[in-house]
Structure formats: structure tokens, C-alpha cells
N, C-alpha and C. Protein backbone atom coordinates (compact mmCIF):
# COMPACT_ATOMS: atom_id res chain seq x y z
N UNK A 1 27.65 -28.87 37.09
CA UNK A 1 26.63 -28.10 38.12
C UNK A 1 25.47 -28.99 38.12
N UNK A 2 24.72 -28.92 39.34
CA UNK A 2 23.82 -30.02 39.11
C UNK A 2 22.64 -29.00 39.18
N UNK A 3 21.72 -29.50 38.35
CA UNK A 3 20.36 -28.71 38.01
C UNK A 3 19.36 -28.67 38.95
N UNK A 4 18.77 -27.54 39.70
CA UNK A 4 18.17 -27.62 40.94
C UNK A 4 16.26 -27.62 40.34
N UNK A 5 16.09 -28.13 41.08
CA UNK A 5 14.58 -28.39 40.76
C UNK A 5 13.70 -28.56 42.08
N UNK A 6 12.73 -27.63 41.69
CA UNK A 6 11.50 -26.87 42.76
C UNK A 6 10.59 -28.28 42.51
N UNK A 7 10.83 -29.13 44.07
CA UNK A 7 9.95 -30.30 44.04
C UNK A 7 8.68 -30.06 44.74
N UNK A 8 8.63 -28.78 45.32
CA UNK A 8 7.23 -28.59 45.56
C UNK A 8 5.97 -28.33 44.72
N UNK A 9 6.56 -27.79 43.34
CA UNK A 9 5.65 -28.08 42.08
C UNK A 9 5.46 -29.37 41.53
N UNK A 10 5.20 -30.07 41.60
CA UNK A 10 5.14 -31.42 41.24
C UNK A 10 4.63 -31.47 39.88
N UNK A 11 5.49 -31.69 38.62
CA UNK A 11 4.86 -31.79 37.23
C UNK A 11 3.79 -32.94 37.07
N UNK A 12 2.60 -32.68 35.95
CA UNK A 12 2.14 -33.85 36.03
C UNK A 12 2.65 -35.11 35.05
N UNK A 13 4.07 -34.11 34.13
CA UNK A 13 4.72 -34.77 33.31
C UNK A 13 6.24 -34.46 33.04
N UNK A 14 7.19 -35.28 33.68
CA UNK A 14 8.16 -35.42 33.74
C UNK A 14 8.74 -35.23 32.67
N UNK A 15 9.54 -33.98 31.82
CA UNK A 15 10.30 -33.83 30.81
C UNK A 15 11.15 -34.95 30.63
N UNK A 16 11.37 -35.43 29.47
CA UNK A 16 12.52 -36.41 28.97
C UNK A 16 14.16 -36.18 29.66
N UNK A 17 14.12 -34.93 29.86
CA UNK A 17 15.94 -34.70 30.46
C UNK A 17 15.91 -34.52 32.03
N UNK A 18 14.72 -34.73 32.43
CA UNK A 18 14.66 -34.70 34.16
C UNK A 18 14.77 -36.14 34.43
N UNK A 19 13.85 -37.09 33.56
CA UNK A 19 13.88 -38.28 34.14
C UNK A 19 15.10 -39.22 34.00
N UNK A 20 16.37 -38.62 34.69
CA UNK A 20 17.57 -39.26 34.36
C UNK A 20 17.90 -39.10 35.82
N UNK A 21 19.51 -39.85 36.39
CA UNK A 21 19.86 -39.81 37.55
C UNK A 21 19.82 -38.68 38.26
N UNK A 22 20.37 -37.72 37.69
CA UNK A 22 20.55 -36.41 38.20
C UNK A 22 19.23 -35.87 39.16
N UNK A 23 18.18 -36.25 38.47
CA UNK A 23 16.99 -36.13 39.58
C UNK A 23 16.50 -37.31 40.07
N UNK A 24 17.43 -38.06 40.54
CA UNK A 24 17.09 -39.69 41.04
C UNK A 24 16.07 -39.56 42.06
N UNK A 25 15.22 -40.53 42.14
CA UNK A 25 13.92 -40.67 42.66
C UNK A 25 14.50 -41.97 43.55
N UNK A 26 14.94 -41.90 44.75
CA UNK A 26 15.50 -42.96 45.76
C UNK A 26 13.97 -43.77 45.85
N UNK A 27 14.28 -44.94 45.98
CA UNK A 27 13.20 -46.14 46.17
C UNK A 27 12.29 -45.97 47.76
N UNK A 28 11.08 -46.25 47.62
CA UNK A 28 10.49 -46.16 49.03
C UNK A 28 11.02 -47.49 49.64
N UNK A 29 11.84 -46.96 50.97
CA UNK A 29 12.38 -48.03 51.70
C UNK A 29 11.45 -48.53 52.96
N UNK A 30 11.42 -49.49 53.11
CA UNK A 30 10.44 -50.12 54.48
C UNK A 30 10.94 -49.87 55.67
N UNK A 31 10.17 -49.75 56.72
CA UNK A 31 11.01 -49.97 58.12
C UNK A 31 11.26 -51.38 58.71
N UNK A 32 12.21 -51.71 59.49
CA UNK A 32 12.72 -53.09 59.88
C UNK A 32 11.90 -53.26 61.02
N UNK A 33 11.68 -54.30 61.07
CA UNK A 33 11.02 -54.74 62.16
C UNK A 33 11.38 -56.32 62.47
N UNK A 34 11.11 -56.57 63.84
CA UNK A 34 11.34 -57.93 64.52
C UNK A 34 10.29 -58.76 64.20
N UNK A 35 10.51 -60.13 63.94
CA UNK A 35 9.25 -60.85 63.67
C UNK A 35 8.56 -61.46 65.19
N UNK A 36 9.10 -60.86 66.42
CA UNK A 36 8.65 -60.91 67.52
C UNK A 36 9.24 -59.95 68.51
N UNK A 37 8.89 -58.84 68.85
CA UNK A 37 9.45 -57.85 69.67
C UNK A 37 9.57 -58.15 70.84
N UNK A 38 9.04 -59.68 71.60
CA UNK A 38 9.41 -59.75 72.54
C UNK A 38 10.62 -60.89 72.46
N UNK A 39 10.78 -61.28 71.71
CA UNK A 39 11.76 -62.61 71.47
C UNK A 39 12.07 -62.83 69.88
N UNK A 40 13.07 -61.75 69.40
CA UNK A 40 13.13 -61.64 68.20
C UNK A 40 14.00 -63.03 67.49
N UNK A 41 14.69 -63.44 68.23
CA UNK A 41 15.60 -64.71 68.05
C UNK A 41 14.80 -65.82 67.76
N UNK A 42 13.85 -65.99 68.60
CA UNK A 42 13.35 -67.51 68.83
C UNK A 42 11.51 -67.11 68.94
N UNK A 43 11.37 -66.26 68.02
CA UNK A 43 9.89 -65.69 67.68
C UNK A 43 8.79 -66.60 67.57
N UNK A 44 7.72 -66.23 68.32
CA UNK A 44 6.40 -67.09 68.26
C UNK A 44 5.51 -66.31 67.13
N UNK A 45 4.78 -67.31 66.32
CA UNK A 45 3.89 -66.42 65.53
C UNK A 45 2.82 -65.36 65.77
N UNK A 46 2.68 -65.07 67.14
CA UNK A 46 1.73 -64.13 67.43
C UNK A 46 1.91 -62.48 66.45
N UNK A 47 3.01 -62.19 66.47
CA UNK A 47 2.97 -60.80 66.17
C UNK A 47 2.62 -60.79 64.43
N UNK A 48 3.20 -61.70 64.16
CA UNK A 48 3.04 -61.90 62.21
C UNK A 48 1.68 -61.88 62.08
N UNK A 49 1.05 -63.01 63.13
CA UNK A 49 -0.44 -63.33 62.83
C UNK A 49 -1.34 -62.06 63.09
N UNK A 50 -0.79 -61.32 64.41
CA UNK A 50 -1.43 -60.04 64.35
C UNK A 50 -1.72 -59.33 63.16
N UNK A 51 -0.39 -59.01 62.79
CA UNK A 51 -0.38 -58.15 61.41
C UNK A 51 -1.38 -58.52 60.18
N UNK A 52 -1.13 -59.80 60.04
CA UNK A 52 -2.00 -60.55 59.21
C UNK A 52 -3.33 -60.49 59.21
N UNK A 53 -3.69 -60.74 60.66
CA UNK A 53 -5.33 -60.78 60.75
C UNK A 53 -5.97 -59.25 60.57
N UNK A 54 -5.03 -58.12 60.80
CA UNK A 54 -5.29 -56.61 60.66
C UNK A 54 -6.31 -56.51 59.14
N UNK A 55 -5.46 -57.29 58.17
CA UNK A 55 -5.99 -57.14 57.00
C UNK A 55 -5.63 -56.02 56.27
N UNK A 56 -4.22 -55.32 56.84
CA UNK A 56 -3.96 -54.03 56.23
C UNK A 56 -3.11 -54.64 55.59
N UNK A 57 -2.48 -55.74 55.41
CA UNK A 57 -1.12 -55.87 54.66
C UNK A 57 -1.12 -56.95 53.82
N UNK A 58 -0.36 -56.89 52.58
CA UNK A 58 -0.16 -58.01 51.80
C UNK A 58 1.35 -58.30 52.09
N UNK A 59 1.94 -59.72 51.86
CA UNK A 59 3.45 -59.84 52.01
C UNK A 59 3.94 -60.32 50.51
N UNK A 60 5.33 -60.10 50.52
CA UNK A 60 6.26 -60.51 49.52
C UNK A 60 7.39 -61.09 49.84
N UNK A 61 7.93 -61.98 49.20
CA UNK A 61 9.67 -62.36 49.73
C UNK A 61 10.16 -61.25 49.36
N UNK A 62 11.48 -61.20 50.16
CA UNK A 62 12.22 -60.24 50.35
C UNK A 62 13.90 -60.94 49.55
N UNK A 63 13.81 -61.03 48.35
CA UNK A 63 14.98 -61.86 47.79
C UNK A 63 16.19 -61.10 48.08
N UNK A 64 17.33 -62.23 48.25
CA UNK A 64 19.10 -61.39 48.34
C UNK A 64 19.50 -60.99 46.99
N UNK A 65 19.29 -59.55 46.99
CA UNK A 65 20.01 -58.67 45.54
C UNK A 65 19.82 -57.66 46.09
N UNK A 66 20.19 -57.04 45.01
CA UNK A 66 20.41 -55.44 44.87
C UNK A 66 19.35 -54.58 44.49
N UNK A 67 18.85 -53.92 45.29
CA UNK A 67 17.74 -52.71 44.98
C UNK A 67 18.09 -51.82 43.86
N UNK A 68 17.12 -51.94 42.90
CA UNK A 68 17.45 -51.18 41.70
C UNK A 68 16.71 -50.06 41.43
N UNK A 69 16.71 -48.99 40.61
CA UNK A 69 15.82 -48.28 40.10
C UNK A 69 16.28 -48.36 38.23
N UNK A 70 15.14 -48.65 37.58
CA UNK A 70 15.30 -49.10 36.46
C UNK A 70 14.59 -48.14 35.44
N UNK A 71 15.62 -47.36 34.53
CA UNK A 71 15.29 -46.24 33.58
C UNK A 71 14.93 -46.89 32.28
N UNK A 72 13.66 -46.75 31.86
CA UNK A 72 13.30 -47.98 30.66
C UNK A 72 13.80 -47.27 29.23
N UNK A 73 14.12 -45.97 29.57
CA UNK A 73 14.76 -45.35 28.39
C UNK A 73 16.04 -45.56 28.21
N UNK A 74 16.85 -46.44 28.73
CA UNK A 74 18.29 -46.73 28.94
C UNK A 74 18.40 -48.13 29.08
N UNK A 75 17.75 -48.45 30.18
CA UNK A 75 17.74 -49.73 30.84
C UNK A 75 18.85 -50.14 31.49
N UNK A 76 19.25 -48.70 32.17
CA UNK A 76 20.24 -48.77 33.05
C UNK A 76 19.76 -48.93 34.62
N UNK A 77 20.50 -49.62 35.54
CA UNK A 77 20.09 -50.04 36.67
C UNK A 77 21.17 -49.05 37.69
N UNK A 78 20.16 -48.49 38.44
CA UNK A 78 20.91 -47.58 39.76
C UNK A 78 20.42 -48.12 40.94
N UNK A 79 21.44 -48.13 42.18
CA UNK A 79 21.11 -48.62 43.61
C UNK A 79 20.60 -47.48 44.18
N UNK A 80 20.25 -47.73 45.45
CA UNK A 80 19.85 -46.66 46.33
C UNK A 80 20.72 -45.92 46.91
N UNK A 81 21.89 -45.94 46.84
CA UNK A 81 23.28 -45.02 47.06
C UNK A 81 23.62 -43.93 45.76
N UNK A 82 22.42 -43.76 44.64
CA UNK A 82 22.62 -43.15 43.66
C UNK A 82 24.12 -43.51 43.12
N UNK A 83 24.15 -44.84 42.70
CA UNK A 83 25.30 -45.22 41.88
C UNK A 83 24.73 -45.99 40.67
N UNK A 84 25.48 -45.98 39.72
CA UNK A 84 24.92 -47.06 38.52
C UNK A 84 25.60 -48.47 38.90
N UNK A 85 24.93 -49.56 38.82
CA UNK A 85 25.03 -51.22 38.92
C UNK A 85 26.18 -51.20 37.63
N UNK A 86 26.91 -52.04 37.60
CA UNK A 86 27.87 -52.81 36.98
C UNK A 86 27.26 -53.64 35.91
N UNK A 87 26.08 -54.19 36.66
CA UNK A 87 25.61 -54.97 35.67
C UNK A 87 24.83 -54.47 34.39
N UNK A 88 24.84 -55.28 33.49
CA UNK A 88 24.24 -54.45 32.24
C UNK A 88 23.19 -55.75 31.59
N UNK A 89 22.10 -55.64 31.65
CA UNK A 89 21.12 -56.44 30.96
C UNK A 89 21.36 -56.74 29.63
N UNK A 90 21.48 -58.07 29.19
CA UNK A 90 21.87 -58.51 27.81
C UNK A 90 20.70 -59.69 27.50
N UNK A 91 20.96 -60.10 26.46
CA UNK A 91 19.92 -61.01 25.56
C UNK A 91 18.48 -61.20 26.57
N UNK A 92 18.01 -62.34 26.87
CA UNK A 92 16.66 -62.54 27.36
C UNK A 92 16.24 -61.50 28.38
N UNK A 93 17.14 -61.10 29.08
CA UNK A 93 16.98 -60.40 30.34
C UNK A 93 16.73 -59.08 29.80
N UNK A 94 17.11 -58.39 28.58
CA UNK A 94 16.97 -57.02 28.05
C UNK A 94 15.91 -56.95 27.15
N UNK A 95 15.52 -58.30 26.64
CA UNK A 95 14.60 -58.35 25.71
C UNK A 95 13.04 -58.42 26.51
N UNK A 96 13.41 -58.97 27.90
CA UNK A 96 11.93 -59.19 28.57
C UNK A 96 11.80 -57.60 29.19
N UNK A 97 12.75 -56.81 29.71
CA UNK A 97 12.53 -55.38 30.14
C UNK A 97 12.20 -54.48 28.85
N UNK A 98 12.44 -54.98 27.77
CA UNK A 98 12.17 -53.95 27.04
C UNK A 98 10.37 -53.76 26.47
N UNK A 99 9.86 -55.01 27.26
CA UNK A 99 8.18 -54.76 27.06
C UNK A 99 7.79 -53.62 27.85
N UNK A 100 8.48 -52.73 28.54
CA UNK A 100 7.91 -51.80 29.36
C UNK A 100 8.33 -50.52 28.32
N UNK A 101 7.22 -49.70 28.27
CA UNK A 101 7.15 -48.51 27.71
C UNK A 101 8.37 -47.53 28.06
N UNK A 102 8.71 -46.43 27.14
CA UNK A 102 9.87 -45.66 27.65
C UNK A 102 9.57 -44.69 28.31
N UNK A 103 9.88 -43.79 28.80
CA UNK A 103 9.56 -43.11 30.16
C UNK A 103 9.40 -43.62 31.09
N UNK A 104 9.90 -44.62 31.86
CA UNK A 104 9.19 -45.47 33.06
C UNK A 104 10.31 -45.64 34.01
N UNK A 105 10.04 -45.44 35.12
CA UNK A 105 11.10 -45.61 36.69
C UNK A 105 10.71 -46.81 37.28
N UNK A 106 11.24 -47.91 37.30
CA UNK A 106 10.88 -49.33 37.98
C UNK A 106 11.61 -49.46 39.14
N UNK A 107 11.14 -49.91 40.33
CA UNK A 107 11.96 -50.35 41.24
C UNK A 107 11.81 -51.94 41.24
N UNK A 108 13.11 -52.49 41.32
CA UNK A 108 12.92 -54.11 41.61
C UNK A 108 14.21 -54.56 42.40
N UNK A 109 14.50 -56.01 42.29
CA UNK A 109 15.30 -56.33 43.07
C UNK A 109 16.42 -57.13 41.72
N UNK A 110 17.43 -56.98 41.83
CA UNK A 110 18.26 -57.58 40.89
C UNK A 110 19.08 -58.77 41.88
N UNK A 111 18.72 -59.86 41.27
CA UNK A 111 19.37 -61.02 41.99
C UNK A 111 20.40 -61.41 40.96
N UNK A 112 21.48 -61.43 41.44
CA UNK A 112 22.39 -61.95 40.46
C UNK A 112 24.01 -61.85 41.23
N UNK A 113 24.04 -60.98 42.07
CA UNK A 113 25.47 -60.46 42.49
C UNK A 113 25.53 -61.27 44.08
N UNK A 114 24.50 -61.99 44.87
CA UNK A 114 24.78 -62.03 46.28
C UNK A 114 24.62 -63.61 46.41
N UNK A 115 24.12 -64.52 45.46
CA UNK A 115 23.65 -65.95 45.59
C UNK A 115 24.27 -66.46 44.57
N UNK A 116 24.67 -67.74 44.63
CA UNK A 116 25.00 -68.55 43.73
C UNK A 116 23.78 -69.54 42.86
N UNK A 117 22.69 -69.36 43.66
CA UNK A 117 21.57 -70.12 43.39
C UNK A 117 20.65 -69.44 42.22
N UNK A 118 21.03 -68.30 42.06
CA UNK A 118 19.97 -67.79 40.77
C UNK A 118 21.17 -66.55 39.92
N UNK A 119 20.65 -66.24 38.98
CA UNK A 119 21.40 -65.36 38.20
C UNK A 119 20.80 -64.81 37.02
N UNK A 120 21.12 -63.76 36.84
CA UNK A 120 20.53 -62.51 35.63
C UNK A 120 18.67 -62.68 35.88
N UNK A 121 18.39 -62.57 37.13
CA UNK A 121 16.88 -62.28 37.51
C UNK A 121 16.71 -60.81 38.40
N UNK A 122 15.32 -60.34 37.39
CA UNK A 122 14.84 -59.17 38.22
C UNK A 122 13.40 -59.34 38.72
N UNK A 123 13.67 -58.89 40.00
CA UNK A 123 12.13 -59.03 40.42
C UNK A 123 11.29 -57.56 40.62
N UNK A 124 10.28 -57.45 39.92
CA UNK A 124 9.85 -56.23 39.75
C UNK A 124 8.74 -55.82 41.08
N UNK A 125 9.14 -55.02 41.89
CA UNK A 125 8.17 -54.71 42.77
C UNK A 125 7.13 -53.31 42.73
N UNK A 126 7.81 -52.43 41.81
CA UNK A 126 6.90 -51.22 42.00
C UNK A 126 7.25 -50.44 40.83
N UNK A 127 6.62 -49.57 39.72
CA UNK A 127 6.68 -48.80 39.24
C UNK A 127 6.17 -47.23 39.54
N UNK A 128 7.05 -46.44 39.74
CA UNK A 128 7.09 -44.99 40.42
C UNK A 128 6.72 -43.68 39.23
N UNK A 129 7.45 -44.15 38.03
CA UNK A 129 7.09 -43.13 36.98
C UNK A 129 6.57 -43.77 35.61
N UNK A 130 5.40 -43.53 35.12
CA UNK A 130 4.62 -44.48 34.09
C UNK A 130 4.47 -43.64 32.75
N UNK A 131 5.31 -43.85 31.73
CA UNK A 131 5.19 -43.21 30.70
C UNK A 131 5.48 -41.76 30.78
N UNK A 132 6.47 -41.11 31.56
CA UNK A 132 6.84 -39.84 31.75
C UNK A 132 6.07 -39.29 32.92
N UNK A 133 5.24 -40.02 33.39
CA UNK A 133 4.08 -39.26 34.35
C UNK A 133 4.25 -39.92 35.96
N UNK A 134 5.01 -39.07 36.57
CA UNK A 134 5.37 -39.75 38.07
C UNK A 134 4.03 -39.73 38.73
N UNK A 135 3.77 -41.28 39.54
CA UNK A 135 2.82 -41.45 40.11
C UNK A 135 2.58 -40.78 41.54
N UNK A 136 2.68 -39.31 41.41
CA UNK A 136 2.36 -38.67 42.78
C UNK A 136 1.25 -39.05 43.38
N UNK A 137 0.78 -39.11 44.79
CA UNK A 137 -0.55 -39.19 44.92
C UNK A 137 -1.01 -40.48 44.87
N UNK A 138 -0.62 -41.61 44.17
CA UNK A 138 -1.21 -42.80 43.87
C UNK A 138 -0.76 -44.16 44.95
N UNK A 139 -1.29 -45.02 44.94
CA UNK A 139 -1.06 -45.91 45.84
C UNK A 139 -0.24 -47.24 45.46
N UNK A 140 0.57 -47.83 45.99
CA UNK A 140 1.06 -48.95 45.94
C UNK A 140 0.07 -50.01 44.89
N UNK A 141 -1.16 -50.09 45.40
CA UNK A 141 -2.16 -50.81 44.79
C UNK A 141 -2.33 -50.10 43.14
N UNK A 142 -2.65 -49.00 43.15
CA UNK A 142 -2.16 -48.45 41.62
C UNK A 142 -1.13 -48.83 40.92
N UNK A 143 -0.03 -48.57 41.62
CA UNK A 143 1.32 -49.22 40.80
C UNK A 143 1.18 -50.61 40.32
N UNK A 144 0.63 -51.37 41.30
CA UNK A 144 0.78 -52.89 40.90
C UNK A 144 -0.48 -52.96 40.08
N UNK A 145 -1.21 -52.48 39.92
CA UNK A 145 -2.27 -52.79 38.65
C UNK A 145 -1.99 -52.30 37.43
N UNK A 146 -0.85 -51.05 37.58
CA UNK A 146 0.09 -51.40 36.17
C UNK A 146 0.82 -52.29 35.69
N UNK A 147 1.59 -52.84 36.46
CA UNK A 147 2.79 -53.65 36.36
C UNK A 147 1.92 -55.10 36.02
N UNK A 148 0.51 -55.10 36.53
CA UNK A 148 -0.16 -56.76 36.21
C UNK A 148 -0.32 -56.49 34.82
N UNK A 149 -0.51 -55.53 34.10
CA UNK A 149 -0.81 -55.37 32.57
C UNK A 149 -0.29 -55.73 31.60
N UNK A 150 1.43 -56.20 31.94
CA UNK A 150 2.62 -56.67 31.43
C UNK A 150 2.72 -57.99 31.29
N UNK A 151 3.53 -58.56 30.44
CA UNK A 151 3.69 -60.15 30.73
C UNK A 151 5.22 -60.30 30.92
N UNK A 152 5.50 -61.55 31.75
CA UNK A 152 6.50 -61.50 32.38
C UNK A 152 7.16 -62.87 32.32
N UNK A 153 8.61 -62.93 32.09
CA UNK A 153 9.27 -63.99 31.52
C UNK A 153 10.32 -64.75 32.49
N UNK A 154 11.03 -65.61 32.19
CA UNK A 154 11.91 -66.25 32.99
C UNK A 154 12.87 -65.37 33.77
N UNK A 155 13.35 -64.62 33.28
CA UNK A 155 14.19 -63.42 34.18
C UNK A 155 13.75 -62.12 34.51
N UNK A 156 12.86 -61.70 33.79
CA UNK A 156 11.95 -60.44 34.81
C UNK A 156 10.87 -60.92 35.13
N UNK A 157 10.53 -61.28 36.59
CA UNK A 157 9.40 -61.56 37.11
C UNK A 157 8.83 -60.40 38.15
N UNK A 158 7.40 -60.51 38.22
CA UNK A 158 6.55 -59.75 38.97
C UNK A 158 6.56 -60.37 40.23
N UNK A 159 6.75 -59.68 41.32
CA UNK A 159 7.05 -60.18 42.99
C UNK A 159 5.65 -60.86 43.04
N UNK A 160 5.63 -62.01 43.37
CA UNK A 160 4.47 -62.96 43.97
C UNK A 160 3.79 -62.36 45.47
N UNK A 161 2.69 -61.73 45.33
CA UNK A 161 1.96 -61.74 46.56
C UNK A 161 1.41 -62.69 47.46
N UNK A 162 1.09 -62.40 48.71
CA UNK A 162 0.52 -63.56 49.43
C UNK A 162 -0.57 -62.56 50.41
N UNK A 163 -1.53 -63.14 50.48
CA UNK A 163 -2.53 -62.65 51.78
C UNK A 163 -2.53 -63.29 53.12
N UNK A 164 -1.91 -64.37 53.16
CA UNK A 164 -2.13 -65.46 54.23
C UNK A 164 -1.05 -65.87 54.63
N UNK A 165 -0.82 -66.48 55.75
CA UNK A 165 0.52 -67.60 56.06
C UNK A 165 1.67 -66.54 56.25
N UNK A 166 1.71 -65.37 56.53
CA UNK A 166 2.86 -64.68 56.88
C UNK A 166 3.94 -65.30 57.71
N UNK A 167 3.77 -65.73 58.86
CA UNK A 167 4.71 -66.34 59.73
C UNK A 167 5.41 -67.76 59.00
N UNK A 168 4.76 -68.12 58.39
CA UNK A 168 5.10 -69.48 57.55
C UNK A 168 5.89 -69.08 56.61
N UNK A 169 5.70 -67.87 55.80
CA UNK A 169 6.21 -67.42 54.66
C UNK A 169 7.65 -67.09 55.21
N UNK A 170 7.92 -66.62 56.53
CA UNK A 170 9.01 -65.72 57.06
C UNK A 170 9.93 -66.87 57.60
N UNK A 171 9.39 -67.94 58.10
CA UNK A 171 9.99 -68.90 58.41
C UNK A 171 10.71 -69.64 57.43
N UNK A 172 10.21 -69.69 56.25
CA UNK A 172 10.63 -70.44 55.06
C UNK A 172 11.78 -70.19 54.25
N UNK A 173 12.08 -68.60 54.70
CA UNK A 173 13.17 -68.17 54.20
C UNK A 173 14.57 -68.51 54.44
N UNK A 174 15.27 -68.84 53.49
CA UNK A 174 16.72 -69.71 53.72
C UNK A 174 17.53 -68.78 54.31
N UNK A 175 17.52 -67.36 53.88
CA UNK A 175 18.71 -66.70 54.40
C UNK A 175 19.56 -66.57 53.10
N UNK A 176 20.00 -67.46 52.00
CA UNK A 176 20.77 -67.45 50.78
C UNK A 176 19.88 -66.67 49.90
N UNK A 177 18.64 -67.39 49.48
CA UNK A 177 17.98 -66.55 48.62
C UNK A 177 16.92 -65.78 48.77
N UNK A 178 16.31 -66.36 49.81
CA UNK A 178 15.17 -65.52 50.61
C UNK A 178 15.75 -64.94 51.47
N UNK A 179 15.48 -63.58 52.17
CA UNK A 179 16.06 -63.05 53.45
C UNK A 179 15.23 -63.10 54.39
N UNK A 180 13.75 -62.87 53.96
CA UNK A 180 12.75 -62.75 54.71
C UNK A 180 11.48 -62.16 53.81
N UNK A 181 10.73 -61.13 54.63
CA UNK A 181 9.30 -61.05 54.00
C UNK A 181 9.39 -59.53 54.05
N UNK A 182 8.65 -58.80 53.26
CA UNK A 182 8.32 -57.29 52.98
C UNK A 182 6.65 -57.37 53.11
N UNK A 183 6.30 -56.65 54.30
CA UNK A 183 4.72 -56.41 54.10
C UNK A 183 4.48 -54.84 53.85
N UNK A 184 3.51 -54.77 53.04
CA UNK A 184 2.82 -53.89 52.26
C UNK A 184 1.57 -53.42 52.77
N UNK A 185 1.31 -52.18 52.86
CA UNK A 185 -0.17 -51.99 52.83
C UNK A 185 -0.37 -51.37 51.63
N UNK A 186 -1.67 -51.66 50.84
CA UNK A 186 -1.76 -51.72 49.36
C UNK A 186 -2.31 -50.05 49.17
N UNK A 187 -2.79 -49.71 50.02
CA UNK A 187 -3.29 -48.34 50.04
C UNK A 187 -2.03 -46.97 50.50
N UNK A 188 -1.13 -47.42 50.98
CA UNK A 188 0.03 -46.64 50.97
C UNK A 188 0.61 -45.85 49.92
N UNK A 189 0.86 -44.50 50.31
CA UNK A 189 1.00 -43.70 48.81
C UNK A 189 2.54 -43.77 48.51
N UNK A 190 2.54 -43.52 47.53
CA UNK A 190 4.06 -43.84 46.70
C UNK A 190 4.86 -42.45 47.28
N UNK A 191 6.11 -42.41 47.54
CA UNK A 191 6.68 -41.18 47.89
C UNK A 191 7.73 -41.04 47.08
N UNK A 192 8.16 -39.98 46.60
CA UNK A 192 9.14 -39.53 46.05
C UNK A 192 10.07 -38.61 46.77
N UNK A 193 11.52 -39.39 47.01
CA UNK A 193 12.30 -38.47 47.76
C UNK A 193 13.59 -38.70 47.45
N UNK A 194 14.41 -37.43 47.65
CA UNK A 194 15.70 -37.31 47.60
C UNK A 194 16.34 -37.55 48.44
N UNK A 195 16.09 -38.15 49.48
CA UNK A 195 16.91 -38.87 51.08
C UNK A 195 16.71 -40.30 50.93
N UNK A 196 17.82 -40.81 50.70
CA UNK A 196 18.14 -42.51 50.96
C UNK A 196 17.93 -42.69 52.48
N UNK A 197 16.48 -42.95 53.09
CA UNK A 197 16.52 -43.38 54.45
C UNK A 197 14.92 -44.09 54.33
N UNK A 198 14.99 -45.13 55.33
CA UNK A 198 13.82 -45.70 55.44
C UNK A 198 12.50 -45.09 56.22
N UNK A 199 11.69 -44.58 55.12
CA UNK A 199 11.14 -43.78 56.02
C UNK A 199 9.48 -43.62 55.69
N UNK A 200 9.14 -45.10 55.21
CA UNK A 200 8.00 -45.45 54.57
C UNK A 200 7.08 -46.52 55.36
N UNK A 201 6.12 -45.95 56.63
CA UNK A 201 5.61 -46.78 57.35
C UNK A 201 4.91 -47.40 57.01
N UNK A 202 4.29 -47.64 55.66
CA UNK A 202 3.13 -48.61 55.22
C UNK A 202 3.96 -49.87 54.29
N UNK A 203 5.36 -49.89 54.73
CA UNK A 203 6.23 -51.07 54.12
C UNK A 203 6.98 -51.64 55.49
N UNK A 204 6.99 -52.83 55.99
CA UNK A 204 7.70 -53.34 56.87
C UNK A 204 8.67 -54.34 56.59
N UNK A 205 9.79 -54.58 56.84
CA UNK A 205 10.70 -55.84 56.38
C UNK A 205 11.23 -56.66 57.74
N UNK A 206 10.84 -57.73 57.42
CA UNK A 206 10.89 -58.74 58.57
C UNK A 206 12.17 -59.76 58.12
N UNK A 207 13.30 -59.81 58.42
CA UNK A 207 14.52 -60.18 57.99
C UNK A 207 14.54 -61.71 58.59
N UNK A 208 15.13 -62.73 58.39
CA UNK A 208 15.82 -63.99 58.88
C UNK A 208 16.89 -63.59 59.81
N UNK A 209 17.60 -64.04 60.84
CA UNK A 209 18.56 -63.56 61.69
C UNK A 209 19.70 -64.19 60.61
N UNK A 210 20.90 -62.92 60.74
CA UNK A 210 22.04 -63.66 59.78
C UNK A 210 23.29 -62.80 60.93
N UNK A 211 24.43 -62.75 60.31
CA UNK A 211 25.51 -62.31 60.84
C UNK A 211 25.44 -61.12 61.48
N UNK A 212 24.95 -60.17 60.44
CA UNK A 212 24.79 -58.65 60.86
C UNK A 212 23.43 -58.27 61.13
N UNK A 213 22.53 -59.04 61.75
CA UNK A 213 21.34 -58.92 62.19
C UNK A 213 21.12 -57.75 62.86
N UNK A 214 20.03 -56.92 62.16
CA UNK A 214 19.43 -55.69 63.10
C UNK A 214 18.44 -55.73 62.58
N UNK A 215 17.32 -54.65 63.28
CA UNK A 215 16.24 -54.53 62.80
C UNK A 215 15.95 -53.10 62.16
């Protein structure tokens, strides 16, 4: 029988027993948008240029991988459909993950299963729980500041951010290793959801065209 938790009363500190997949936090998911609403398959740069010039967003590359929630107590990886990934970090991957303290929940991309170009690589995007303290009401920028305190290695990397050249960055995506870009508003508030839907308007995903292209 699953334990019922009253999420209206947000605890300042999550008990260790709660920081488990039973009380799973779905990752913040971006809204899919076209690179050019007027002509998505042959886009001009105007639309992404406008988002860039607004000064609201930074950009990250969207790697071709499995979105994963990493529990640092166990170093287990869970996907956004609430299933444990078969991938088990070992060797240098595990050593690099062990730099993070216990009681953390990290959102990252596991780049291993969907491309032959790169294996055993974890791209860290966000930290949602830090030392058993959920970052309720904190911004993406707050989360990023925590992540920047750590050292990264060959296999566990902090996602690189870009403040300019959004259209060129999107255009350079090869579709094999890099699928497109994610735009993020650093002032956007982290959301702790128990429903796997794309409902975070301060994150925008811009894909390159593919066989199953959709926005």
C-alpha cells in the first residue's frame, strides 16, 4: 500500500524515508515549441532571435538520452515514467557521482542508450532536493548556483549554458547526439509535480526535425 503524503504542507526537510521513488518527484518538463511558428520545417532565425533578445532566457543543448532522476543515497536512476532505469553507474561514473552529498535528488540526462557516439555520460541539469531539503520556491538559478559548487569529470558533466547564438546553436544540432536546444528562464520557480506532464512554461524545448517530429 502506497504511503499517502499531504503535499499541501511542504516540509522544510524531507525525512530519509520519503526521499524514495515511492514519493517520486517528476522532473520539470519543458513546453515543446517550433523554431519558427510560421515555417517550422524551413525556419528563419527571427523567432529564436526574438527570444534571445528578450533577455529572459539562457540556452542549453538537448542531448539525445534518457531523462533521469538520480537519488544520491543509492545512485539509482529513475525515468520520468517512474520506472527504474536498467543502467547502473559503475567505475569512474560512480566515483564522479559520489561527489554529491547524500540526500540529494538530481535531474540529469543519461547519454548511453540512444547514440553510438557517446556512452556512460551524465549531463546534470538541475538539483531539486539538496541535503534532504527540497528547493520549494527556489529558482532554476538557485539550483544552478548549488551545482556550480561541485567539480565535474569526464563522465558526469554540468550542462553548458549559452546566452547568445540560440538559432546557430539549434541549427548545429546533428539529431544524433544533440536533438536541439532547451531555453530556460533562470528566474523560473522549480515545480514539484506528481504528474508527468509538460507544464513548466519557463522552459522551452526546440527540436530539430526527425521521423517523429512534433512540437
